[in-house]
Amino acid sequence: LNIYLVGVPGITAATAGDDADMTAMLAAFDSIFQTAGITTGTVRFVDADQATTQAYSIVRSENDIEELVLTSALPGPSYDDAISLNVFFTQSFALGGAIGISTGIPGPAALHGTRNSGVVFTSEFLGETFQEGGGDLVDGNLYTGIVLAHEVGHYLGLFHTTEQGGQGQDPLNDTAFCPPNSFPNNCDDLGNLMF
């Protein structure tokens, strides 16, 4: 993973590896993929430059997302360097309730510096605890790790198992079908990461 830090409060590339909230979020992310036999290799932290941070620390549009991932660069000369995923953590999203977006389903593997070269995500829940609609307290680090895993799932080629309102599903035959009249609470795929 190449984690670009774009105006994330209190975290820089030099401190991110030891930051308790970043570590907890990445542990949650890793645990999800480990259940499928996928492990995270090298994690690199990169500070976005001042111009990029000033322009995109708050994501306001789809164009912002495309322009931001365009700043990604090949992190090194090896094959493993090329086969890495760019994740851009911004200060916040002002984009209709979204907290993260994959730039492709799937994204272009091993291509850096294109308008589709990564996942863009808000850091606003790191280190936070908040109350969800039902009143339960939510650990922001765990929440961020889960939703990041969902967006990375898109980048790796996975669709939603059931679309909003039950109006469609992924093309995989082993995904449980959820009829529109069962959406969302009575869907068999409700607990799926890609729901």
C-alpha atoms as a PDB file:
ATOM      1  CA  LEU A   1       0.000   0.000   0.000  1.00  0.00           C
ATOM      2  CA  ASN A   2       1.143   3.516  -0.816  1.00  0.00           C
ATOM      3  CA  ILE A   3      -0.712   5.682   1.673  1.00  0.00           C
ATOM      4  CA  TYR A   4      -0.682   9.324   0.628  1.00  0.00           C
ATOM      5  CA  LEU A   5      -1.453  11.724   3.467  1.00  0.00           C
ATOM      6  CA  VAL A   6      -3.316  14.771   2.200  1.00  0.00           C
ATOM      7  CA  GLY A   7      -3.827  17.187   5.074  1.00  0.00           C
ATOM      8  CA  VAL A   8      -4.523  14.483   7.656  1.00  0.00           C
ATOM      9  CA  PRO A   9      -4.473  16.306  11.010  1.00  0.00           C
ATOM     10  CA  GLY A  10      -1.602  15.286  13.266  1.00  0.00           C
ATOM     11  CA  ILE A  11      -0.206  12.541  11.019  1.00  0.00           C
ATOM     12  CA  THR A  12       2.744  12.778   8.640  1.00  0.00           C
ATOM     13  CA  ALA A  13       4.675  10.165   6.685  1.00  0.00           C
ATOM     14  CA  ALA A  14       7.334  10.265   9.410  1.00  0.00           C
ATOM     15  CA  THR A  15       4.835   9.585  12.231  1.00  0.00           C
ATOM     16  CA  ALA A  16       2.165   7.437  10.520  1.00  0.00           C
ATOM     17  CA  GLY A  17       3.889   4.089  11.098  1.00  0.00           C
ATOM     18  CA  ASP A  18       3.821   4.678  14.858  1.00  0.00           C
ATOM     19  CA  ASP A  19       0.443   6.410  15.030  1.00  0.00           C
ATOM     20  CA  ALA A  20      -1.934   4.347  17.203  1.00  0.00           C
ATOM     21  CA  ASP A  21      -5.045   5.252  15.190  1.00  0.00           C
ATOM     22  CA  MET A  22      -3.439   4.513  11.797  1.00  0.00           C
ATOM     23  CA  THR A  23      -2.072   1.235  13.176  1.00  0.00           C
ATOM     24  CA  ALA A  24      -5.491   0.202  14.543  1.00  0.00           C
ATOM     25  CA  MET A  25      -7.216   1.105  11.269  1.00  0.00           C
ATOM     26  CA  LEU A  26      -4.690  -0.880   9.206  1.00  0.00           C
ATOM     27  CA  ALA A  27      -5.035  -3.858  11.593  1.00  0.00           C
ATOM     28  CA  ALA A  28      -8.810  -3.855  11.002  1.00  0.00           C
ATOM     29  CA  PHE A  29      -8.224  -3.614   7.238  1.00  0.00           C
ATOM     30  CA  ASP A  30      -5.661  -6.447   7.326  1.00  0.00           C
ATOM     31  CA  SER A  31      -7.863  -8.762   9.390  1.00  0.00           C
ATOM     32  CA  ILE A  32     -10.639  -8.554   6.792  1.00  0.00           C
ATOM     33  CA  PHE A  33      -8.402  -9.498   3.874  1.00  0.00           C
ATOM     34  CA  GLN A  34      -6.563 -12.174   5.859  1.00  0.00           C
ATOM     35  CA  THR A  35      -9.834 -14.141   6.048  1.00  0.00           C
ATOM     36  CA  ALA A  36      -9.544 -14.464   2.254  1.00  0.00           C
ATOM     37  CA  GLY A  37      -5.836 -15.346   2.394  1.00  0.00           C
ATOM     38  CA  ILE A  38      -4.725 -11.882   1.247  1.00  0.00           C
ATOM     39  CA  THR A  39      -2.008 -10.152   3.234  1.00  0.00           C
ATOM     40  CA  THR A  40      -0.778  -6.598   3.080  1.00  0.00           C
ATOM     41  CA  GLY A  41       2.858  -6.372   2.066  1.00  0.00           C
ATOM     42  CA  THR A  42       4.912  -3.222   2.369  1.00  0.00           C
ATOM     43  CA  VAL A  43       3.101  -0.110   3.569  1.00  0.00           C
ATOM     44  CA  ARG A  44       4.641   3.176   2.460  1.00  0.00           C
ATOM     45  CA  PHE A  45       3.509   6.541   3.811  1.00  0.00           C
ATOM     46  CA  VAL A  46       3.889   9.575   1.567  1.00  0.00           C
ATOM     47  CA  ASP A  47       3.207  13.214   2.418  1.00  0.00           C
ATOM     48  CA  ALA A  48       1.343  14.974  -0.390  1.00  0.00           C
ATOM     49  CA  ASP A  49       3.100  18.149  -1.466  1.00  0.00           C
ATOM     50  CA  GLN A  50       1.846  21.541  -0.316  1.00  0.00           C
ATOM     51  CA  ALA A  51      -0.045  22.380  -3.532  1.00  0.00           C
ATOM     52  CA  THR A  52      -1.831  19.004  -3.551  1.00  0.00           C
ATOM     53  CA  THR A  53      -2.689  19.315   0.128  1.00  0.00           C
ATOM     54  CA  GLN A  54      -4.044  22.826  -0.326  1.00  0.00           C
ATOM     55  CA  ALA A  55      -6.188  21.804  -3.305  1.00  0.00           C
ATOM     56  CA  TYR A  56      -7.470  18.417  -2.165  1.00  0.00           C
ATOM     57  CA  SER A  57      -7.346  18.028   1.625  1.00  0.00           C
ATOM     58  CA  ILE A  58     -11.137  18.445   1.452  1.00  0.00           C
ATOM     59  CA  VAL A  59     -12.571  16.459  -1.455  1.00  0.00           C
ATOM     60  CA  ARG A  60     -15.516  18.301  -3.001  1.00  0.00           C
ATOM     61  CA  SER A  61     -16.075  16.646  -6.390  1.00  0.00           C
ATOM     62  CA  GLU A  62     -15.417  13.645  -8.605  1.00  0.00           C
ATOM     63  CA  ASN A  63     -12.912  15.839 -10.443  1.00  0.00           C
ATOM     64  CA  ASP A  64     -11.009  16.376  -7.169  1.00  0.00           C
ATOM     65  CA  ILE A  65     -10.737  12.602  -6.801  1.00  0.00           C
ATOM     66  CA  GLU A  66      -9.419  12.151 -10.334  1.00  0.00           C
ATOM     67  CA  GLU A  67      -6.938  15.010  -9.995  1.00  0.00           C
ATOM     68  CA  LEU A  68      -5.733  13.686  -6.656  1.00  0.00           C
ATOM     69  CA  VAL A  69      -5.008  10.124  -7.818  1.00  0.00           C
ATOM     70  CA  LEU A  70      -3.270  11.593 -10.863  1.00  0.00           C
ATOM     71  CA  THR A  71      -0.524  12.712  -8.435  1.00  0.00           C
ATOM     72  CA  SER A  72       0.387   9.104  -7.587  1.00  0.00           C
ATOM     73  CA  ALA A  73       3.780   7.870  -8.698  1.00  0.00           C
ATOM     74  CA  LEU A  74       5.481   4.512  -9.125  1.00  0.00           C
ATOM     75  CA  PRO A  75       7.088   4.011  -5.696  1.00  0.00           C
ATOM     76  CA  GLY A  76      10.115   2.057  -6.922  1.00  0.00           C
ATOM     77  CA  PRO A  77      11.621   0.002  -9.751  1.00  0.00           C
ATOM     78  CA  SER A  78      10.622  -3.516  -8.701  1.00  0.00           C
ATOM     79  CA  TYR A  79       7.616  -5.595  -9.702  1.00  0.00           C
ATOM     80  CA  ASP A  80       6.348  -5.498  -6.111  1.00  0.00           C
ATOM     81  CA  ASP A  81       6.628  -1.705  -6.144  1.00  0.00           C
ATOM     82  CA  ALA A  82       4.526  -1.542  -9.304  1.00  0.00           C
ATOM     83  CA  ILE A  83       1.869  -3.951  -8.008  1.00  0.00           C
ATOM     84  CA  SER A  84       0.981  -1.637  -5.155  1.00  0.00           C
ATOM     85  CA  LEU A  85      -2.244   0.186  -4.406  1.00  0.00           C
ATOM     86  CA  ASN A  86      -2.426   3.933  -3.864  1.00  0.00           C
ATOM     87  CA  VAL A  87      -4.667   5.019  -0.985  1.00  0.00           C
ATOM     88  CA  PHE A  88      -5.173   8.750  -0.499  1.00  0.00           C
ATOM     89  CA  PHE A  89      -6.246   9.784   2.990  1.00  0.00           C
ATOM     90  CA  THR A  90      -7.673  13.295   2.968  1.00  0.00           C
ATOM     91  CA  GLN A  91      -8.762  15.532   5.814  1.00  0.00           C
ATOM     92  CA  SER A  92     -12.436  15.121   4.893  1.00  0.00           C
ATOM     93  CA  PHE A  93     -15.033  14.538   2.185  1.00  0.00           C
ATOM     94  CA  ALA A  94     -17.718  17.048   1.261  1.00  0.00           C
ATOM     95  CA  LEU A  95     -19.282  14.749  -1.296  1.00  0.00           C
ATOM     96  CA  GLY A  96     -22.857  13.742  -0.454  1.00  0.00           C
ATOM     97  CA  GLY A  97     -22.197  11.395   2.463  1.00  0.00           C
ATOM     98  CA  ALA A  98     -19.442   9.357   0.810  1.00  0.00           C
ATOM     99  CA  ILE A  99     -16.404   8.623   2.939  1.00  0.00           C
ATOM    100  CA  GLY A 100     -14.371   6.799   0.319  1.00  0.00           C
ATOM    101  CA  ILE A 101     -14.320   6.112  -3.387  1.00  0.00           C
ATOM    102  CA  SER A 102     -12.527   3.607  -5.583  1.00  0.00           C
ATOM    103  CA  THR A 103     -11.583   5.024  -8.962  1.00  0.00           C
ATOM    104  CA  GLY A 104     -12.368   1.779 -10.733  1.00  0.00           C
ATOM    105  CA  ILE A 105     -14.153  -1.571 -10.552  1.00  0.00           C
ATOM    106  CA  PRO A 106     -11.536  -2.866 -11.046  1.00  0.00           C
ATOM    107  CA  GLY A 107      -8.853  -0.219 -10.851  1.00  0.00           C
ATOM    108  CA  PRO A 108      -5.861  -0.407 -13.179  1.00  0.00           C
ATOM    109  CA  ALA A 109      -3.326  -2.744 -11.587  1.00  0.00           C
ATOM    110  CA  ALA A 110       0.265  -1.494 -11.582  1.00  0.00           C
ATOM    111  CA  LEU A 111      -0.575   1.846 -13.197  1.00  0.00           C
ATOM    112  CA  HIS A 112       0.312   4.941 -11.243  1.00  0.00           C
ATOM    113  CA  GLY A 113      -0.269   8.559 -12.213  1.00  0.00           C
ATOM    114  CA  THR A 114      -3.601   8.075 -14.004  1.00  0.00           C
ATOM    115  CA  ARG A 115      -7.060   9.394 -13.108  1.00  0.00           C
ATOM    116  CA  ASN A 116      -7.963   5.868 -11.947  1.00  0.00           C
ATOM    117  CA  SER A 117      -4.865   5.004  -9.938  1.00  0.00           C
ATOM    118  CA  GLY A 118      -6.208   4.494  -6.455  1.00  0.00           C
ATOM    119  CA  VAL A 119      -8.721   4.824  -3.671  1.00  0.00           C
ATOM    120  CA  VAL A 120      -9.520   8.159  -2.006  1.00  0.00           C
ATOM    121  CA  PHE A 121     -10.680   8.171   1.569  1.00  0.00           C
ATOM    122  CA  THR A 122     -11.454  10.524   4.443  1.00  0.00           C
ATOM    123  CA  SER A 123      -9.454  10.350   7.654  1.00  0.00           C
ATOM    124  CA  GLU A 124     -12.096  12.188   9.694  1.00  0.00           C
ATOM    125  CA  PHE A 125     -13.116   9.116  11.723  1.00  0.00           C
ATOM    126  CA  LEU A 126      -9.579   8.082  12.746  1.00  0.00           C
ATOM    127  CA  GLY A 127      -9.262   8.252  16.513  1.00  0.00           C
ATOM    128  CA  GLU A 128     -12.954   9.085  16.941  1.00  0.00           C
ATOM    129  CA  THR A 129     -15.845   7.321  18.594  1.00  0.00           C
ATOM    130  CA  PHE A 130     -19.275   8.235  17.325  1.00  0.00           C
ATOM    131  CA  GLN A 131     -22.878   7.198  17.763  1.00  0.00           C
ATOM    132  CA  GLU A 132     -24.658   5.592  14.832  1.00  0.00           C
ATOM    133  CA  GLY A 133     -28.356   6.027  14.046  1.00  0.00           C
ATOM    134  CA  GLY A 134     -29.385   3.128  16.282  1.00  0.00           C
ATOM    135  CA  GLY A 135     -27.522   4.594  19.255  1.00  0.00           C
ATOM    136  CA  ASP A 136     -24.579   2.168  19.281  1.00  0.00           C
ATOM    137  CA  LEU A 137     -21.086   3.564  19.752  1.00  0.00           C
ATOM    138  CA  VAL A 138     -18.747   2.998  16.805  1.00  0.00           C
ATOM    139  CA  ASP A 139     -14.943   2.828  16.931  1.00  0.00           C
ATOM    140  CA  GLY A 140     -13.819   5.166  14.141  1.00  0.00           C
ATOM    141  CA  ASN A 141     -10.600   3.243  13.499  1.00  0.00           C
ATOM    142  CA  LEU A 142     -12.469  -0.036  13.017  1.00  0.00           C
ATOM    143  CA  TYR A 143     -15.127   1.706  10.926  1.00  0.00           C
ATOM    144  CA  THR A 144     -12.504   3.326   8.676  1.00  0.00           C
ATOM    145  CA  GLY A 145     -10.692   0.006   8.250  1.00  0.00           C
ATOM    146  CA  ILE A 146     -13.888  -1.795   7.261  1.00  0.00           C
ATOM    147  CA  VAL A 147     -15.034   0.822   4.778  1.00  0.00           C
ATOM    148  CA  LEU A 148     -11.513   1.099   3.340  1.00  0.00           C
ATOM    149  CA  ALA A 149     -11.553  -2.687   2.834  1.00  0.00           C
ATOM    150  CA  HIS A 150     -14.901  -2.291   1.011  1.00  0.00           C
ATOM    151  CA  GLU A 151     -13.460   0.354  -1.341  1.00  0.00           C
ATOM    152  CA  VAL A 152     -10.308  -1.692  -1.938  1.00  0.00           C
ATOM    153  CA  GLY A 153     -12.649  -4.597  -2.765  1.00  0.00           C
ATOM    154  CA  HIS A 154     -14.099  -2.416  -5.527  1.00  0.00           C
ATOM    155  CA  TYR A 155     -10.596  -1.560  -6.748  1.00  0.00           C
ATOM    156  CA  LEU A 156      -9.834  -5.286  -6.908  1.00  0.00           C
ATOM    157  CA  GLY A 157     -12.941  -5.848  -9.068  1.00  0.00           C
ATOM    158  CA  LEU A 158     -15.803  -6.577  -6.676  1.00  0.00           C
ATOM    159  CA  PHE A 159     -19.216  -4.952  -7.119  1.00  0.00           C
ATOM    160  CA  HIS A 160     -21.805  -4.435  -4.383  1.00  0.00           C
ATOM    161  CA  THR A 161     -23.427  -7.773  -3.608  1.00  0.00           C
ATOM    162  CA  THR A 162     -26.773  -5.945  -3.596  1.00  0.00           C
ATOM    163  CA  GLU A 163     -27.226  -2.399  -4.851  1.00  0.00           C
ATOM    164  CA  GLN A 164     -29.099   0.319  -2.970  1.00  0.00           C
ATOM    165  CA  GLY A 165     -32.789  -0.496  -2.724  1.00  0.00           C
ATOM    166  CA  GLY A 166     -32.172  -4.070  -3.910  1.00  0.00           C
ATOM    167  CA  GLN A 167     -32.034  -2.861  -7.514  1.00  0.00           C
ATOM    168  CA  GLY A 168     -29.373  -5.209  -8.839  1.00  0.00           C
ATOM    169  CA  GLN A 169     -26.546  -7.377  -7.631  1.00  0.00           C
ATOM    170  CA  ASP A 170     -23.026  -8.452  -8.481  1.00  0.00           C
ATOM    171  CA  PRO A 171     -22.477 -10.900 -11.364  1.00  0.00           C
ATOM    172  CA  LEU A 172     -21.050 -13.688  -9.152  1.00  0.00           C
ATOM    173  CA  ASN A 173     -23.254 -16.785  -9.011  1.00  0.00           C
ATOM    174  CA  ASP A 174     -22.458 -17.584  -5.373  1.00  0.00           C
ATOM    175  CA  THR A 175     -23.828 -14.284  -4.043  1.00  0.00           C
ATOM    176  CA  ALA A 176     -27.181 -14.604  -2.314  1.00  0.00           C
ATOM    177  CA  PHE A 177     -29.943 -12.774  -4.179  1.00  0.00           C
ATOM    178  CA  CYS A 178     -31.773 -10.076  -2.226  1.00  0.00           C
ATOM    179  CA  PRO A 179     -35.197  -9.178  -3.633  1.00  0.00           C
ATOM    180  CA  PRO A 180     -36.092  -5.469  -3.475  1.00  0.00           C
ATOM    181  CA  ASN A 181     -38.834  -6.077  -0.898  1.00  0.00           C
ATOM    182  CA  SER A 182     -36.229  -7.549   1.515  1.00  0.00           C
ATOM    183  CA  PHE A 183     -33.768  -4.648   1.309  1.00  0.00           C
ATOM    184  CA  PRO A 184     -31.871  -3.938   3.486  1.00  0.00           C
ATOM    185  CA  ASN A 185     -32.507  -5.730   6.785  1.00  0.00           C
ATOM    186  CA  ASN A 186     -33.709  -9.074   5.421  1.00  0.00           C
ATOM    187  CA  CYS A 187     -31.021  -9.606   2.788  1.00  0.00           C
ATOM    188  CA  ASP A 188     -28.996 -12.809   3.110  1.00  0.00           C
ATOM    189  CA  ASP A 189     -25.886 -10.856   2.036  1.00  0.00           C
ATOM    190  CA  LEU A 190     -26.355  -8.097   4.645  1.00  0.00           C
ATOM    191  CA  GLY A 191     -23.158  -9.102   6.481  1.00  0.00           C
ATOM    192  CA  ASN A 192     -21.048  -9.274   3.321  1.00  0.00           C
ATOM    193  CA  LEU A 193     -18.221  -6.710   3.141  1.00  0.00           C
ATOM    194  CA  MET A 194     -19.412  -5.673  -0.327  1.00  0.00           C
ATOM    195  CA  PHE A 195     -23.115  -5.207   0.613  1.00  0.00           C
END
